[in-house]
All heavy atoms as atom14 arrays in JSON, in Angstrom:
{
  "sequence": "IERDLVFDEVAGRNQPVGPSHRLGSFVAARLGYADALDLL",
  "atom14_mask": [
    [1, 1, 1, 1, 1, 1, 1, 1, 0, 0, 0, 0, 0, 0],
    [1, 1, 1, 1, 1, 1, 1, 1, 1, 0, 0, 0, 0, 0],
    [1, 1, 1, 1, 1, 1, 1, 1, 1, 1, 1, 0, 0, 0],
    [1, 1, 1, 1, 1, 1, 1, 1, 0, 0, 0, 0, 0, 0],
    [1, 1, 1, 1, 1, 1, 1, 1, 0, 0, 0, 0, 0, 0],
    [1, 1, 1, 1, 1, 1, 1, 0, 0, 0, 0, 0, 0, 0],
    [1, 1, 1, 1, 1, 1, 1, 1, 1, 1, 1, 0, 0, 0],
    [1, 1, 1, 1, 1, 1, 1, 1, 0, 0, 0, 0, 0, 0],
    [1, 1, 1, 1, 1, 1, 1, 1, 1, 0, 0, 0, 0, 0],
    [1, 1, 1, 1, 1, 1, 1, 0, 0, 0, 0, 0, 0, 0],
    [1, 1, 1, 1, 1, 0, 0, 0, 0, 0, 0, 0, 0, 0],
    [1, 1, 1, 1, 0, 0, 0, 0, 0, 0, 0, 0, 0, 0],
    [1, 1, 1, 1, 1, 1, 1, 1, 1, 1, 1, 0, 0, 0],
    [1, 1, 1, 1, 1, 1, 1, 1, 0, 0, 0, 0, 0, 0],
    [1, 1, 1, 1, 1, 1, 1, 1, 1, 0, 0, 0, 0, 0],
    [1, 1, 1, 1, 1, 1, 1, 0, 0, 0, 0, 0, 0, 0],
    [1, 1, 1, 1, 1, 1, 1, 0, 0, 0, 0, 0, 0, 0],
    [1, 1, 1, 1, 0, 0, 0, 0, 0, 0, 0, 0, 0, 0],
    [1, 1, 1, 1, 1, 1, 1, 0, 0, 0, 0, 0, 0, 0],
    [1, 1, 1, 1, 1, 1, 0, 0, 0, 0, 0, 0, 0, 0],
    [1, 1, 1, 1, 1, 1, 1, 1, 1, 1, 0, 0, 0, 0],
    [1, 1, 1, 1, 1, 1, 1, 1, 1, 1, 1, 0, 0, 0],
    [1, 1, 1, 1, 1, 1, 1, 1, 0, 0, 0, 0, 0, 0],
    [1, 1, 1, 1, 0, 0, 0, 0, 0, 0, 0, 0, 0, 0],
    [1, 1, 1, 1, 1, 1, 0, 0, 0, 0, 0, 0, 0, 0],
    [1, 1, 1, 1, 1, 1, 1, 1, 1, 1, 1, 0, 0, 0],
    [1, 1, 1, 1, 1, 1, 1, 0, 0, 0, 0, 0, 0, 0],
    [1, 1, 1, 1, 1, 0, 0, 0, 0, 0, 0, 0, 0, 0],
    [1, 1, 1, 1, 1, 0, 0, 0, 0, 0, 0, 0, 0, 0],
    [1, 1, 1, 1, 1, 1, 1, 1, 1, 1, 1, 0, 0, 0],
    [1, 1, 1, 1, 1, 1, 1, 1, 0, 0, 0, 0, 0, 0],
    [1, 1, 1, 1, 0, 0, 0, 0, 0, 0, 0, 0, 0, 0],
    [1, 1, 1, 1, 1, 1, 1, 1, 1, 1, 1, 1, 0, 0],
    [1, 1, 1, 1, 1, 0, 0, 0, 0, 0, 0, 0, 0, 0],
    [1, 1, 1, 1, 1, 1, 1, 1, 0, 0, 0, 0, 0, 0],
    [1, 1, 1, 1, 1, 0, 0, 0, 0, 0, 0, 0, 0, 0],
    [1, 1, 1, 1, 1, 1, 1, 1, 0, 0, 0, 0, 0, 0],
    [1, 1, 1, 1, 1, 1, 1, 1, 0, 0, 0, 0, 0, 0],
    [1, 1, 1, 1, 1, 1, 1, 1, 0, 0, 0, 0, 0, 0],
    [1, 1, 1, 1, 1, 1, 1, 1, 0, 0, 0, 0, 0, 0]
  ],
  "atom14_positions": [
    [[0.89, -1.15, 0.03], [0.0, -0.04, 0.0], [0.88, 1.26, 0.0], [1.73, 1.34, 0.84], [-0.95, -0.07, 1.3], [-1.79, -1.29, 1.22], [-1.75, 1.25, 1.27], [-2.7, -1.47, 2.43], [0.0, 0.0, 0.0], [0.0, 0.0, 0.0], [0.0, 0.0, 0.0], [0.0, 0.0, 0.0], [0.0, 0.0, 0.0], [0.0, 0.0, 0.0]],
    [[0.82, 2.05, -0.95], [1.59, 3.28, -1.04], [1.42, 4.27, -0.05], [2.21, 4.97, 0.45], [1.45, 3.88, -2.47], [2.0, 2.96, -3.57], [3.47, 2.79, -3.51], [4.22, 3.83, -3.1], [3.93, 1.77, -3.88], [0.0, 0.0, 0.0], [0.0, 0.0, 0.0], [0.0, 0.0, 0.0], [0.0, 0.0, 0.0], [0.0, 0.0, 0.0]],
    [[0.04, 4.53, 0.29], [-0.24, 5.53, 1.35], [-1.21, 4.94, 2.37], [-2.44, 5.0, 2.21], [-0.86, 6.76, 0.66], [0.12, 7.47, -0.13], [-0.55, 8.68, -0.89], [-1.53, 8.11, -1.74], [-2.27, 8.81, -2.6], [-2.15, 10.01, -2.71], [-3.18, 8.13, -3.38], [0.0, 0.0, 0.0], [0.0, 0.0, 0.0], [0.0, 0.0, 0.0]],
    [[-0.72, 4.29, 3.38], [-1.5, 3.66, 4.37], [-1.87, 4.51, 5.53], [-1.27, 5.51, 5.72], [-0.78, 2.36, 4.93], [-1.67, 1.37, 5.44], [-2.91, 1.48, 5.53], [-1.21, 0.19, 5.73], [0.0, 0.0, 0.0], [0.0, 0.0, 0.0], [0.0, 0.0, 0.0], [0.0, 0.0, 0.0], [0.0, 0.0, 0.0], [0.0, 0.0, 0.0]],
    [[-2.89, 4.11, 6.18], [-3.41, 4.87, 7.36], [-3.33, 3.91, 8.55], [-3.64, 2.72, 8.51], [-4.83, 5.41, 7.23], [-5.11, 6.31, 6.13], [-6.6, 6.54, 5.94], [-4.41, 7.65, 6.37], [0.0, 0.0, 0.0], [0.0, 0.0, 0.0], [0.0, 0.0, 0.0], [0.0, 0.0, 0.0], [0.0, 0.0, 0.0], [0.0, 0.0, 0.0]],
    [[-2.99, 4.47, 9.78], [-2.9, 3.61, 11.0], [-3.6, 4.48, 12.08], [-3.38, 5.75, 12.11], [-1.45, 3.33, 11.42], [-1.41, 2.7, 12.86], [-0.79, 2.37, 10.42], [0.0, 0.0, 0.0], [0.0, 0.0, 0.0], [0.0, 0.0, 0.0], [0.0, 0.0, 0.0], [0.0, 0.0, 0.0], [0.0, 0.0, 0.0], [0.0, 0.0, 0.0]],
    [[-4.39, 3.83, 12.87], [-5.08, 4.5, 14.01], [-4.05, 5.01, 15.08], [-3.16, 4.41, 15.5], [-6.14, 3.57, 14.7], [-6.82, 4.3, 15.82], [-7.89, 5.12, 15.47], [-6.52, 4.02, 17.08], [-8.62, 5.73, 16.47], [-7.32, 4.69, 18.11], [-8.3, 5.59, 17.74], [0.0, 0.0, 0.0], [0.0, 0.0, 0.0], [0.0, 0.0, 0.0]],
    [[-4.28, 6.27, 15.29], [-3.37, 7.03, 16.39], [-4.36, 7.28, 17.57], [-5.29, 8.06, 17.49], [-2.83, 8.29, 15.79], [-1.93, 9.0, 16.77], [-2.04, 8.73, 18.03], [-1.06, 9.8, 16.31], [0.0, 0.0, 0.0], [0.0, 0.0, 0.0], [0.0, 0.0, 0.0], [0.0, 0.0, 0.0], [0.0, 0.0, 0.0], [0.0, 0.0, 0.0]],
    [[-4.0, 6.62, 18.61], [-4.8, 6.65, 19.91], [-4.82, 8.02, 20.48], [-5.81, 8.47, 21.17], [-4.51, 5.63, 20.9], [-3.13, 5.75, 21.51], [-1.97, 5.16, 20.72], [-2.17, 4.63, 19.63], [-0.86, 5.3, 21.18], [0.0, 0.0, 0.0], [0.0, 0.0, 0.0], [0.0, 0.0, 0.0], [0.0, 0.0, 0.0], [0.0, 0.0, 0.0]],
    [[-3.71, 8.78, 20.29], [-3.64, 10.13, 20.9], [-4.53, 11.09, 20.04], [-5.33, 11.85, 20.62], [-2.22, 10.67, 20.86], [-2.14, 12.1, 21.33], [-1.31, 9.78, 21.75], [0.0, 0.0, 0.0], [0.0, 0.0, 0.0], [0.0, 0.0, 0.0], [0.0, 0.0, 0.0], [0.0, 0.0, 0.0], [0.0, 0.0, 0.0], [0.0, 0.0, 0.0]],
    [[-4.44, 10.98, 18.72], [-5.23, 11.79, 17.85], [-6.74, 11.37, 17.82], [-7.62, 12.11, 17.49], [-4.68, 11.91, 16.45], [0.0, 0.0, 0.0], [0.0, 0.0, 0.0], [0.0, 0.0, 0.0], [0.0, 0.0, 0.0], [0.0, 0.0, 0.0], [0.0, 0.0, 0.0], [0.0, 0.0, 0.0], [0.0, 0.0, 0.0], [0.0, 0.0, 0.0]],
    [[-6.93, 10.03, 18.08], [-8.27, 9.52, 18.03], [-8.77, 9.29, 16.67], [-10.0, 9.23, 16.33], [0.0, 0.0, 0.0], [0.0, 0.0, 0.0], [0.0, 0.0, 0.0], [0.0, 0.0, 0.0], [0.0, 0.0, 0.0], [0.0, 0.0, 0.0], [0.0, 0.0, 0.0], [0.0, 0.0, 0.0], [0.0, 0.0, 0.0], [0.0, 0.0, 0.0]],
    [[-7.89, 9.15, 15.64], [-8.33, 8.89, 14.27], [-7.17, 8.24, 13.49], [-6.05, 8.23, 14.02], [-8.8, 10.16, 13.59], [-7.75, 11.24, 13.41], [-8.27, 12.46, 12.79], [-7.21, 13.49, 12.69], [-6.95, 14.45, 13.52], [-7.78, 14.55, 14.57], [-6.1, 15.29, 13.4], [0.0, 0.0, 0.0], [0.0, 0.0, 0.0], [0.0, 0.0, 0.0]],
    [[-7.4, 7.86, 12.29], [-6.34, 7.25, 11.44], [-5.51, 8.39, 11.02], [-5.9, 9.52, 10.64], [-7.0, 6.58, 10.2], [-7.65, 5.32, 10.59], [-7.22, 4.68, 11.63], [-8.67, 4.86, 9.86], [0.0, 0.0, 0.0], [0.0, 0.0, 0.0], [0.0, 0.0, 0.0], [0.0, 0.0, 0.0], [0.0, 0.0, 0.0], [0.0, 0.0, 0.0]],
    [[-4.14, 8.1, 10.98], [-3.14, 8.98, 10.42], [-2.33, 8.41, 9.33], [-2.07, 7.16, 9.39], [-2.21, 9.37, 11.67], [-2.88, 10.17, 12.78], [-3.28, 11.49, 12.4], [-2.75, 12.11, 11.53], [-4.32, 12.0, 13.12], [0.0, 0.0, 0.0], [0.0, 0.0, 0.0], [0.0, 0.0, 0.0], [0.0, 0.0, 0.0], [0.0, 0.0, 0.0]],
    [[-1.83, 9.21, 8.36], [-1.04, 8.63, 7.24], [0.31, 8.17, 7.81], [0.94, 8.83, 8.65], [-0.91, 9.77, 6.32], [-1.5, 10.92, 6.93], [-2.16, 10.57, 8.1], [0.0, 0.0, 0.0], [0.0, 0.0, 0.0], [0.0, 0.0, 0.0], [0.0, 0.0, 0.0], [0.0, 0.0, 0.0], [0.0, 0.0, 0.0], [0.0, 0.0, 0.0]],
    [[0.79, 7.03, 7.3], [2.07, 6.52, 7.77], [3.06, 6.17, 6.55], [4.11, 5.64, 6.71], [1.96, 5.17, 8.59], [1.36, 5.52, 10.0], [1.22, 4.09, 7.87], [0.0, 0.0, 0.0], [0.0, 0.0, 0.0], [0.0, 0.0, 0.0], [0.0, 0.0, 0.0], [0.0, 0.0, 0.0], [0.0, 0.0, 0.0], [0.0, 0.0, 0.0]],
    [[2.54, 6.48, 5.34], [3.34, 6.15, 4.17], [3.11, 4.73, 3.65], [2.01, 4.14, 3.84], [0.0, 0.0, 0.0], [0.0, 0.0, 0.0], [0.0, 0.0, 0.0], [0.0, 0.0, 0.0], [0.0, 0.0, 0.0], [0.0, 0.0, 0.0], [0.0, 0.0, 0.0], [0.0, 0.0, 0.0], [0.0, 0.0, 0.0], [0.0, 0.0, 0.0]],
    [[4.02, 4.16, 2.94], [3.86, 2.77, 2.45], [3.91, 1.71, 3.48], [4.52, 1.88, 4.59], [5.04, 2.62, 1.5], [6.1, 3.57, 1.99], [5.4, 4.69, 2.61], [0.0, 0.0, 0.0], [0.0, 0.0, 0.0], [0.0, 0.0, 0.0], [0.0, 0.0, 0.0], [0.0, 0.0, 0.0], [0.0, 0.0, 0.0], [0.0, 0.0, 0.0]],
    [[3.26, 0.61, 3.21], [3.24, -0.55, 4.14], [3.16, -1.84, 3.27], [2.78, -1.8, 2.07], [1.96, -0.52, 5.02], [0.87, -0.81, 4.39], [0.0, 0.0, 0.0], [0.0, 0.0, 0.0], [0.0, 0.0, 0.0], [0.0, 0.0, 0.0], [0.0, 0.0, 0.0], [0.0, 0.0, 0.0], [0.0, 0.0, 0.0], [0.0, 0.0, 0.0]],
    [[3.68, -2.91, 3.84], [3.72, -4.2, 3.12], [2.95, -5.17, 4.04], [3.06, -5.18, 5.3], [5.18, -4.77, 3.06], [5.96, -4.09, 2.01], [7.31, -4.17, 2.01], [5.66, -3.23, 1.01], [7.79, -3.49, 1.02], [6.85, -2.86, 0.39], [0.0, 0.0, 0.0], [0.0, 0.0, 0.0], [0.0, 0.0, 0.0], [0.0, 0.0, 0.0]],
    [[2.22, -6.08, 3.42], [1.59, -7.19, 4.1], [1.87, -8.5, 3.43], [1.8, -8.52, 2.15], [0.04, -6.99, 4.16], [-0.28, -5.98, 5.11], [-1.8, -5.57, 4.98], [-2.23, -4.57, 5.95], [-1.96, -3.33, 5.89], [-1.31, -2.92, 4.84], [-2.45, -2.41, 6.78], [0.0, 0.0, 0.0], [0.0, 0.0, 0.0], [0.0, 0.0, 0.0]],
    [[2.14, -9.6, 4.14], [2.39, -10.87, 3.52], [1.69, -11.87, 4.42], [1.8, -11.86, 5.66], [3.86, -11.1, 3.6], [4.35, -12.42, 2.91], [4.13, -12.42, 1.45], [5.87, -12.62, 3.13], [0.0, 0.0, 0.0], [0.0, 0.0, 0.0], [0.0, 0.0, 0.0], [0.0, 0.0, 0.0], [0.0, 0.0, 0.0], [0.0, 0.0, 0.0]],
    [[0.99, -12.82, 3.86], [0.26, -13.83, 4.76], [-0.41, -14.85, 3.98], [-0.24, -15.11, 2.76], [0.0, 0.0, 0.0], [0.0, 0.0, 0.0], [0.0, 0.0, 0.0], [0.0, 0.0, 0.0], [0.0, 0.0, 0.0], [0.0, 0.0, 0.0], [0.0, 0.0, 0.0], [0.0, 0.0, 0.0], [0.0, 0.0, 0.0], [0.0, 0.0, 0.0]],
    [[-1.15, -15.68, 4.78], [-1.9, -16.77, 4.08], [-3.19, -17.07, 4.99], [-3.26, -16.64, 6.13], [-0.99, -17.99, 4.07], [-0.69, -18.37, 5.4], [0.0, 0.0, 0.0], [0.0, 0.0, 0.0], [0.0, 0.0, 0.0], [0.0, 0.0, 0.0], [0.0, 0.0, 0.0], [0.0, 0.0, 0.0], [0.0, 0.0, 0.0], [0.0, 0.0, 0.0]],
    [[-4.09, -17.81, 4.39], [-5.27, -18.18, 5.12], [-5.63, -19.62, 4.74], [-5.35, -20.1, 3.62], [-6.44, -17.16, 4.98], [-7.13, -17.27, 3.67], [-8.17, -18.13, 3.47], [-6.73, -16.52, 2.57], [-8.86, -18.23, 2.21], [-7.33, -16.62, 1.3], [-8.41, -17.43, 1.17], [0.0, 0.0, 0.0], [0.0, 0.0, 0.0], [0.0, 0.0, 0.0]],
    [[-6.49, -20.17, 5.62], [-7.07, -21.49, 5.24], [-8.51, -21.48, 5.77], [-8.72, -20.85, 6.8], [-6.24, -22.71, 5.86], [-6.18, -22.67, 7.35], [-6.71, -24.0, 5.36], [0.0, 0.0, 0.0], [0.0, 0.0, 0.0], [0.0, 0.0, 0.0], [0.0, 0.0, 0.0], [0.0, 0.0, 0.0], [0.0, 0.0, 0.0], [0.0, 0.0, 0.0]],
    [[-9.38, -22.02, 5.05], [-10.78, -22.16, 5.44], [-11.41, -23.42, 5.1], [-11.12, -24.03, 4.05], [-11.6, -21.0, 4.73], [0.0, 0.0, 0.0], [0.0, 0.0, 0.0], [0.0, 0.0, 0.0], [0.0, 0.0, 0.0], [0.0, 0.0, 0.0], [0.0, 0.0, 0.0], [0.0, 0.0, 0.0], [0.0, 0.0, 0.0], [0.0, 0.0, 0.0]],
    [[-12.16, -24.04, 6.06], [-12.86, -25.34, 5.76], [-14.29, -25.11, 6.14], [-14.68, -24.53, 7.18], [-12.19, -26.38, 6.64], [0.0, 0.0, 0.0], [0.0, 0.0, 0.0], [0.0, 0.0, 0.0], [0.0, 0.0, 0.0], [0.0, 0.0, 0.0], [0.0, 0.0, 0.0], [0.0, 0.0, 0.0], [0.0, 0.0, 0.0], [0.0, 0.0, 0.0]],
    [[-15.17, -25.68, 5.27], [-16.59, -25.6, 5.5], [-17.2, -27.04, 5.35], [-16.94, -27.79, 4.39], [-17.24, -24.68, 4.49], [-18.76, -24.67, 4.56], [-19.37, -23.6, 3.74], [-20.26, -22.86, 4.49], [-20.45, -21.54, 4.44], [-19.69, -20.82, 3.68], [-21.2, -20.96, 5.2], [0.0, 0.0, 0.0], [0.0, 0.0, 0.0], [0.0, 0.0, 0.0]],
    [[-17.99, -27.35, 6.36], [-18.56, -28.74, 6.38], [-20.11, -28.58, 6.48], [-20.49, -27.83, 7.41], [-18.08, -29.5, 7.58], [-18.67, -30.87, 7.91], [-18.29, -31.87, 6.72], [-18.29, -31.46, 9.15], [0.0, 0.0, 0.0], [0.0, 0.0, 0.0], [0.0, 0.0, 0.0], [0.0, 0.0, 0.0], [0.0, 0.0, 0.0], [0.0, 0.0, 0.0]],
    [[-20.86, -29.15, 5.64], [-22.24, -29.09, 5.59], [-22.85, -30.48, 5.64], [-22.35, -31.41, 5.12], [0.0, 0.0, 0.0], [0.0, 0.0, 0.0], [0.0, 0.0, 0.0], [0.0, 0.0, 0.0], [0.0, 0.0, 0.0], [0.0, 0.0, 0.0], [0.0, 0.0, 0.0], [0.0, 0.0, 0.0], [0.0, 0.0, 0.0], [0.0, 0.0, 0.0]],
    [[-23.91, -30.62, 6.4], [-24.64, -31.9, 6.41], [-26.07, -31.74, 6.32], [-26.81, -31.08, 7.15], [-24.37, -32.55, 7.74], [-25.03, -33.93, 7.9], [-24.58, -34.95, 7.15], [-26.21, -34.06, 8.67], [-25.22, -36.17, 7.26], [-26.84, -35.24, 8.75], [-26.31, -36.33, 8.09], [-26.96, -37.58, 8.05], [0.0, 0.0, 0.0], [0.0, 0.0, 0.0]],
    [[-26.66, -32.2, 5.21], [-28.08, -32.38, 5.01], [-28.83, -31.07, 5.2], [-29.97, -31.17, 5.67], [-28.65, -33.41, 5.79], [0.0, 0.0, 0.0], [0.0, 0.0, 0.0], [0.0, 0.0, 0.0], [0.0, 0.0, 0.0], [0.0, 0.0, 0.0], [0.0, 0.0, 0.0], [0.0, 0.0, 0.0], [0.0, 0.0, 0.0], [0.0, 0.0, 0.0]],
    [[-28.35, -29.86, 4.8], [-29.07, -28.65, 4.93], [-29.44, -28.34, 6.32], [-30.25, -27.54, 6.58], [-30.3, -28.54, 4.02], [-30.0, -28.55, 2.63], [-28.84, -28.07, 2.26], [-30.81, -28.97, 1.7], [0.0, 0.0, 0.0], [0.0, 0.0, 0.0], [0.0, 0.0, 0.0], [0.0, 0.0, 0.0], [0.0, 0.0, 0.0], [0.0, 0.0, 0.0]],
    [[-28.83, -29.11, 7.27], [-29.11, -28.85, 8.73], [-27.91, -28.28, 9.49], [-28.17, -27.47, 10.32], [-29.57, -30.2, 9.42], [0.0, 0.0, 0.0], [0.0, 0.0, 0.0], [0.0, 0.0, 0.0], [0.0, 0.0, 0.0], [0.0, 0.0, 0.0], [0.0, 0.0, 0.0], [0.0, 0.0, 0.0], [0.0, 0.0, 0.0], [0.0, 0.0, 0.0]],
    [[-26.71, -28.76, 9.13], [-25.57, -28.32, 9.82], [-24.58, -27.59, 8.91], [-24.37, -28.1, 7.77], [-24.81, -29.47, 10.44], [-23.49, -29.19, 11.15], [-23.72, -28.42, 12.44], [-22.73, -30.53, 11.4], [0.0, 0.0, 0.0], [0.0, 0.0, 0.0], [0.0, 0.0, 0.0], [0.0, 0.0, 0.0], [0.0, 0.0, 0.0], [0.0, 0.0, 0.0]],
    [[-24.12, -26.46, 9.26], [-23.18, -25.73, 8.48], [-22.05, -25.24, 9.44], [-22.32, -24.46, 10.3], [-23.81, -24.58, 7.81], [-22.88, -23.86, 6.86], [-21.83, -24.39, 6.49], [-23.26, -22.76, 6.38], [0.0, 0.0, 0.0], [0.0, 0.0, 0.0], [0.0, 0.0, 0.0], [0.0, 0.0, 0.0], [0.0, 0.0, 0.0], [0.0, 0.0, 0.0]],
    [[-20.8, -25.78, 9.21], [-19.69, -25.4, 10.05], [-18.65, -24.74, 9.19], [-18.2, -25.31, 8.23], [-19.14, -26.64, 10.79], [-17.81, -26.5, 11.54], [-18.04, -25.6, 12.72], [-17.39, -27.83, 11.98], [0.0, 0.0, 0.0], [0.0, 0.0, 0.0], [0.0, 0.0, 0.0], [0.0, 0.0, 0.0], [0.0, 0.0, 0.0], [0.0, 0.0, 0.0]],
    [[-18.16, -23.6, 9.63], [-17.07, -22.83, 8.85], [-15.93, -22.58, 9.84], [-16.19, -21.9, 10.93], [-17.64, -21.64, 8.21], [-16.6, -20.74, 7.54], [-15.91, -21.38, 6.4], [-17.17, -19.37, 7.09], [0.0, 0.0, 0.0], [0.0, 0.0, 0.0], [0.0, 0.0, 0.0], [0.0, 0.0, 0.0], [0.0, 0.0, 0.0], [0.0, 0.0, 0.0]]
  ]
}
């Protein structure tokens, strides 16, 4: 992100911090049974 914002607790609002990087991963599993049970 070239121009990111971060919450500043002193100012009580988001403040610009310049560029930021994020790197990550996710996994999701969903199990359904007979239109009665749905687990995510």
